Amino acid sequence: MGIPEERIERLLSLAREAVVDGEFDRSREYVRLARRIAERNRCGLPRAFTRRTCDDCDVYLRPGVTGRFRTQPGHVVVRCLECGATDRYPF
């Protein structure tokens, strides 16, 4: 694991802590910075990162606080409670 991947993992954990503290704007900045690092260094984002962040408003999705996670036959439906965006992921 290189330096960009380590930095992205650290920013994901900082975004999680910011949401726990109720600081959604700080969480958005951490997510945006991690995405920029991935673009600049041409490394992919981890699956945990893409499934736990909203693509539209860049907030970290925490179940019950900023995101609603529902399971349906064959897929998971994730709805952002900040902007209303919906994503679906297969099992």
Protein backbone atom coordinates (compact mmCIF):
# COMPACT_ATOMS: atom_id res chain seq x y z
CA MET A 1 0.00 0.00 0.00
CA GLY A 2 1.45 3.30 -1.08
CA ILE A 3 1.25 6.72 0.47
CA PRO A 4 -1.90 7.83 -1.46
CA GLU A 5 -3.83 4.74 -0.34
CA GLU A 6 -2.78 5.27 3.26
CA ARG A 7 -3.84 8.91 3.07
CA ILE A 8 -7.24 7.96 1.60
CA GLU A 9 -7.82 5.42 4.40
CA ARG A 10 -6.89 8.05 7.00
CA LEU A 11 -9.23 10.61 5.45
CA LEU A 12 -12.06 8.04 5.47
CA SER A 13 -11.59 7.46 9.18
CA LEU A 14 -11.47 11.24 9.80
CA ALA A 15 -14.71 11.66 7.83
CA ARG A 16 -16.33 8.96 9.97
CA GLU A 17 -15.24 10.71 13.17
CA ALA A 18 -16.49 14.07 11.89
CA VAL A 19 -19.97 12.62 11.23
CA VAL A 20 -20.02 11.10 14.72
CA ASP A 21 -19.28 14.57 16.12
CA GLY A 22 -22.03 16.09 13.96
CA GLU A 23 -19.69 18.12 11.74
CA PHE A 24 -21.03 17.26 8.29
CA ASP A 25 -19.18 20.06 6.48
CA ARG A 26 -15.83 18.82 7.77
CA SER A 27 -16.77 15.31 6.66
CA ARG A 28 -17.50 16.61 3.15
CA GLU A 29 -14.09 18.27 2.97
CA TYR A 30 -12.34 15.04 3.98
CA VAL A 31 -14.22 13.06 1.33
CA ARG A 32 -13.51 15.64 -1.39
CA LEU A 33 -9.83 15.70 -0.49
CA ALA A 34 -9.63 11.89 -0.62
CA ARG A 35 -11.26 11.87 -4.06
CA ARG A 36 -8.82 14.48 -5.34
CA ILE A 37 -5.87 12.45 -4.04
CA ALA A 38 -7.19 9.37 -5.86
CA GLU A 39 -7.60 11.32 -9.11
CA ARG A 40 -4.21 12.97 -8.90
CA ASN A 41 -2.36 9.72 -8.20
CA ARG A 42 -4.49 7.55 -10.50
CA CYS A 43 -5.30 5.05 -7.80
CA GLY A 44 -8.74 3.64 -7.27
CA LEU A 45 -10.90 4.29 -4.27
CA PRO A 46 -11.52 1.38 -1.91
CA ARG A 47 -14.94 -0.28 -2.09
CA ALA A 48 -15.66 0.76 1.51
CA PHE A 49 -15.07 4.38 0.51
CA THR A 50 -17.38 4.34 -2.49
CA ARG A 51 -20.15 2.52 -0.63
CA ARG A 52 -19.97 4.77 2.44
CA THR A 53 -19.94 8.17 0.73
CA CYS A 54 -22.60 10.01 -1.23
CA ASP A 55 -21.60 10.75 -4.83
CA ASP A 56 -23.80 13.85 -5.01
CA CYS A 57 -23.10 15.76 -1.78
CA ASP A 58 -19.84 14.03 -0.64
CA VAL A 59 -21.00 13.35 2.92
CA TYR A 60 -19.93 10.18 4.78
CA LEU A 61 -22.97 7.91 5.07
CA ARG A 62 -23.54 6.71 8.61
CA PRO A 63 -26.57 4.45 9.08
CA GLY A 64 -29.44 6.29 10.73
CA VAL A 65 -27.67 9.65 10.80
CA THR A 66 -26.81 10.62 7.23
CA GLY A 67 -27.87 7.52 5.34
CA ARG A 68 -30.60 4.91 5.19
CA PHE A 69 -29.50 1.38 4.30
CA ARG A 70 -32.18 -1.10 3.23
CA THR A 71 -31.82 -4.61 1.91
CA GLN A 72 -34.05 -5.86 -0.87
CA PRO A 73 -33.90 -9.14 -2.76
CA GLY A 74 -30.57 -9.16 -4.58
CA HIS A 75 -29.36 -5.65 -3.69
CA VAL A 76 -28.86 -2.99 -1.04
CA VAL A 77 -30.52 0.42 -1.38
CA VAL A 78 -28.61 3.34 0.16
CA ARG A 79 -30.37 6.70 0.46
CA CYS A 80 -28.57 9.86 1.53
CA LEU A 81 -30.60 11.77 4.11
CA GLU A 82 -28.75 15.01 3.33
CA CYS A 83 -29.51 15.35 -0.39
CA GLY A 84 -31.89 12.45 -1.15
CA ALA A 85 -29.63 10.64 -3.64
CA THR A 86 -30.14 6.88 -3.98
CA ASP A 87 -27.61 4.17 -4.86
CA ARG A 88 -28.16 0.45 -5.33
CA TYR A 89 -25.49 -2.21 -4.87
CA PRO A 90 -25.81 -5.95 -5.61
CA PHE A 91 -25.08 -8.52 -2.90
